[in-house]
């Protein structure tokens, strides 16, 4: 495998340095989508949101409860605690 250029190394480093902020922003976008969608698309958004909530350090049990409640407002309130 070829060596990475300095630019590529910097991009990768910046991604991992900002991983939490990226996950938070995407989770916030998905909450908006949850308000607007229903059916299979809504289930897909929950699945994607689960990934981002895990990246933010939320426990699987808490995430499962949010999914069972199917309440985007509860997720939005949870995300407020992650904002700095």
Protein backbone atom coordinates (compact mmCIF):
# COMPACT_ATOMS: atom_id res chain seq x y z
CA UNK A 1 0.00 0.00 0.00
CA UNK A 2 1.31 3.43 -0.90
CA UNK A 3 2.25 5.95 1.73
CA UNK A 4 -0.23 8.72 2.43
CA UNK A 5 0.65 12.27 1.46
CA UNK A 6 0.93 14.96 4.12
CA UNK A 7 -2.41 16.36 2.96
CA UNK A 8 -4.11 12.98 3.38
CA UNK A 9 -2.57 12.53 6.82
CA UNK A 10 -3.84 15.97 7.85
CA UNK A 11 -7.37 15.24 6.59
CA UNK A 12 -7.47 11.94 8.49
CA UNK A 13 -6.13 13.56 11.67
CA UNK A 14 -8.67 16.39 11.47
CA UNK A 15 -11.49 13.89 11.01
CA UNK A 16 -10.57 11.97 14.14
CA UNK A 17 -9.95 15.18 16.10
CA UNK A 18 -13.45 16.40 15.22
CA UNK A 19 -15.28 13.06 15.25
CA UNK A 20 -17.52 14.02 18.18
CA UNK A 21 -18.54 17.33 16.63
CA UNK A 22 -19.29 15.60 13.33
CA UNK A 23 -21.43 12.97 15.09
CA UNK A 24 -23.31 15.68 17.02
CA UNK A 25 -24.05 17.71 13.91
CA UNK A 26 -25.26 14.68 11.97
CA UNK A 27 -27.41 13.55 14.90
CA UNK A 28 -29.03 16.98 15.01
CA UNK A 29 -29.78 16.76 11.28
CA UNK A 30 -31.32 13.33 11.76
CA UNK A 31 -33.61 14.61 14.52
CA UNK A 32 -35.00 17.08 11.99
CA UNK A 33 -35.50 14.25 9.53
CA UNK A 34 -37.33 12.21 12.18
CA UNK A 35 -39.85 15.02 12.60
CA UNK A 36 -40.51 15.03 8.85
CA UNK A 37 -40.56 11.34 7.90
CA UNK A 38 -42.58 8.24 8.66
CA UNK A 39 -42.57 4.57 7.76
CA UNK A 40 -39.49 2.76 6.52
CA UNK A 41 -37.52 5.95 5.98
CA UNK A 42 -38.09 6.90 9.62
CA UNK A 43 -36.79 3.49 10.73
CA UNK A 44 -33.68 3.99 8.60
CA UNK A 45 -33.09 7.40 10.23
CA UNK A 46 -33.35 5.80 13.69
CA UNK A 47 -30.77 3.21 12.67
CA UNK A 48 -28.36 5.89 11.44
CA UNK A 49 -29.01 8.00 14.51
CA UNK A 50 -28.08 5.03 16.70
CA UNK A 51 -24.62 4.98 15.14
CA UNK A 52 -24.06 8.67 15.85
CA UNK A 53 -25.38 8.47 19.40
CA UNK A 54 -23.00 5.60 20.11
CA UNK A 55 -20.15 7.75 18.75
CA UNK A 56 -21.20 10.44 21.23
CA UNK A 57 -20.88 7.95 24.08
CA UNK A 58 -24.52 7.18 24.78
CA UNK A 59 -25.32 3.74 26.18
CA UNK A 60 -27.15 1.24 24.00
CA UNK A 61 -29.90 0.83 26.63
CA UNK A 62 -30.67 4.57 26.51
CA UNK A 63 -30.74 4.52 22.72
CA UNK A 64 -33.06 1.51 22.69
CA UNK A 65 -35.43 3.38 25.02
CA UNK A 66 -35.43 6.42 22.72
CA UNK A 67 -36.23 4.22 19.73
CA UNK A 68 -39.03 2.47 21.63
CA UNK A 69 -40.51 5.85 22.60
CA UNK A 70 -40.16 7.07 18.98
CA UNK A 71 -39.96 10.64 20.23
CA UNK A 72 -37.60 12.99 18.32
CA UNK A 73 -38.08 15.68 20.99
CA UNK A 74 -36.48 13.41 23.61
CA UNK A 75 -33.48 12.92 21.32
CA UNK A 76 -33.24 16.67 20.76
CA UNK A 77 -33.18 17.24 24.52
CA UNK A 78 -30.50 14.58 24.90
CA UNK A 79 -28.38 16.25 22.23
CA UNK A 80 -28.60 19.57 24.10
CA UNK A 81 -26.57 17.97 26.89
CA UNK A 82 -23.78 17.17 24.41
CA UNK A 83 -23.50 20.73 23.09
CA UNK A 84 -20.74 22.81 24.62
